[in-house]
Protein backbone atom coordinates (compact mmCIF):
# COMPACT_ATOMS: atom_id res chain seq x y z
CA MET A 1 -8.87 -11.91 10.66
CA ARG A 2 -9.05 -12.82 14.31
CA GLU A 3 -11.63 -10.68 16.05
CA ASN A 4 -9.66 -10.41 19.31
CA CYS A 5 -6.34 -9.53 17.58
CA ILE A 6 -5.38 -5.85 17.82
CA PHE A 7 -3.18 -6.05 14.71
CA CYS A 8 -6.01 -7.62 12.69
CA LYS A 9 -8.19 -4.71 13.81
CA ILE A 10 -5.51 -2.23 12.72
CA ALA A 11 -5.10 -4.02 9.37
CA SER A 12 -8.85 -3.89 8.75
CA GLY A 13 -9.06 -0.21 9.69
CA ASP A 14 -11.20 -0.80 12.79
CA ILE A 15 -8.45 0.73 14.97
CA PRO A 16 -6.55 3.75 13.65
CA ALA A 17 -2.77 3.76 13.30
CA ALA A 18 -0.15 6.19 12.02
CA LYS A 19 0.37 4.39 8.71
CA VAL A 20 3.74 4.55 6.98
CA PHE A 21 3.00 2.13 4.13
CA GLU A 22 0.31 -0.27 3.00
CA ASP A 23 -0.43 -2.60 0.14
CA GLU A 24 -2.64 -5.63 -0.38
CA HIS A 25 -0.26 -7.89 1.61
CA CYS A 26 0.92 -5.80 4.54
CA LEU A 27 0.65 -2.63 6.57
CA ALA A 28 3.40 -0.60 8.27
CA PHE A 29 2.72 1.90 11.03
CA ASN A 30 4.55 3.74 13.79
CA ASP A 31 4.85 1.88 17.10
CA ILE A 32 2.97 3.63 19.91
CA GLU A 33 5.77 2.75 22.37
CA PRO A 34 8.90 3.37 20.28
CA GLN A 35 12.17 1.77 21.36
CA ALA A 36 14.24 3.91 18.96
CA PRO A 37 13.84 7.31 17.27
CA THR A 38 12.24 5.43 14.36
CA HIS A 39 10.20 2.36 15.30
CA ILE A 40 7.85 1.02 12.65
CA LEU A 41 5.84 -2.20 12.85
CA ILE A 42 5.26 -4.17 9.65
CA ILE A 43 2.41 -6.67 9.79
CA PRO A 44 0.90 -9.03 7.26
CA ARG A 45 -2.79 -8.46 6.60
CA LYS A 46 -3.25 -12.23 6.98
CA HIS A 47 -3.25 -13.37 10.60
CA ILE A 48 -0.26 -15.55 11.41
CA ALA A 49 0.26 -15.86 15.17
CA SER A 50 4.08 -15.86 15.08
CA LEU A 51 7.03 -16.69 12.88
CA ASP A 52 6.93 -20.13 14.49
CA LYS A 53 3.44 -20.64 13.02
CA ALA A 54 4.42 -19.60 9.47
CA LYS A 55 4.17 -22.31 6.83
CA GLU A 56 5.71 -22.98 3.44
CA SER A 57 2.67 -21.29 1.89
CA HIS A 58 3.76 -18.03 3.59
CA TYR A 59 7.19 -18.07 1.93
CA SER A 60 6.56 -15.18 -0.47
CA LEU A 61 4.69 -13.16 2.16
CA LEU A 62 7.64 -13.39 4.56
CA GLY A 63 9.99 -12.20 1.84
CA HIS A 64 7.59 -9.38 1.03
CA LEU A 65 7.65 -8.22 4.66
CA LEU A 66 11.46 -8.04 4.66
CA LEU A 67 11.62 -6.27 1.31
CA THR A 68 8.99 -3.82 2.54
CA ALA A 69 11.20 -3.04 5.54
CA ALA A 70 14.11 -2.28 3.19
CA ASP A 71 11.88 -0.15 0.92
CA ILE A 72 10.65 1.87 3.90
CA ALA A 73 14.22 2.37 5.16
CA ARG A 74 15.26 3.73 1.77
CA ALA A 75 12.14 5.90 1.43
CA LYS A 76 12.58 7.35 4.93
CA GLY A 77 16.28 8.03 4.29
CA PHE A 78 17.89 5.90 6.98
CA ALA A 79 18.93 2.87 4.93
CA GLU A 80 22.47 4.07 4.35
CA ASP A 81 23.07 4.87 8.04
CA GLY A 82 21.62 1.51 9.02
CA TYR A 83 18.67 -0.07 10.74
CA ARG A 84 17.59 -3.21 12.55
CA VAL A 85 14.73 -5.57 11.66
CA VAL A 86 13.51 -7.82 14.47
CA ALA A 87 10.85 -10.52 14.67
CA ASN A 88 10.20 -11.46 18.30
CA THR A 89 8.79 -14.98 18.42
CA ASN A 90 6.68 -16.37 21.24
CA SER A 91 6.87 -15.37 24.91
CA ASP A 92 10.52 -16.07 25.67
CA GLY A 93 11.46 -14.29 22.43
CA GLY A 94 9.70 -11.14 23.64
CA GLN A 95 6.55 -11.36 21.52
CA THR A 96 3.61 -9.63 23.24
CA VAL A 97 1.12 -9.33 20.36
CA PHE A 98 0.51 -12.72 18.78
CA HIS A 99 0.19 -11.58 15.18
CA LEU A 100 3.44 -11.89 13.25
CA HIS A 101 5.15 -8.52 12.93
CA LEU A 102 8.54 -7.03 12.18
CA HIS A 103 10.06 -4.18 14.14
CA LEU A 104 11.95 -1.73 11.91
CA LEU A 105 14.23 0.31 14.18
CA ALA A 106 16.52 3.19 13.22
CA GLY A 107 17.84 6.56 14.26
CA ARG A 108 20.51 5.44 16.71
CA GLN A 109 23.34 2.96 16.83
CA PHE A 110 22.41 -0.51 18.02
CA ILE A 111 24.68 -2.83 19.96
CA PHE A 112 25.10 -6.55 19.55
CA PRO A 113 24.18 -8.83 21.16
CA PRO A 114 20.89 -7.06 21.87
CA GLY A 115 20.14 -8.74 25.20
């Protein structure tokens, strides 16, 4: 845990969040500034600054995050209609909180390319 990381504080329970899912490896919660009707953030409990900082030892954790996104989509009932999973990486990639996280977006049609 990094003491100045807001997502580490959410993962530890020091800051409340509208939790959607949690297990020993990750936590999913509603984004406070949603960019779609459904916007859920999925974070690992372990602090990893960005996807760019992930290592081979994080291989199974990264897969777990993606499978968790799919499980949430099915559980929430929007998997069949479709959804988007995004990992913004570093400043030019749009990352603003430097704790690896996935955005799970649904509830509207998305265009490609995104921007």
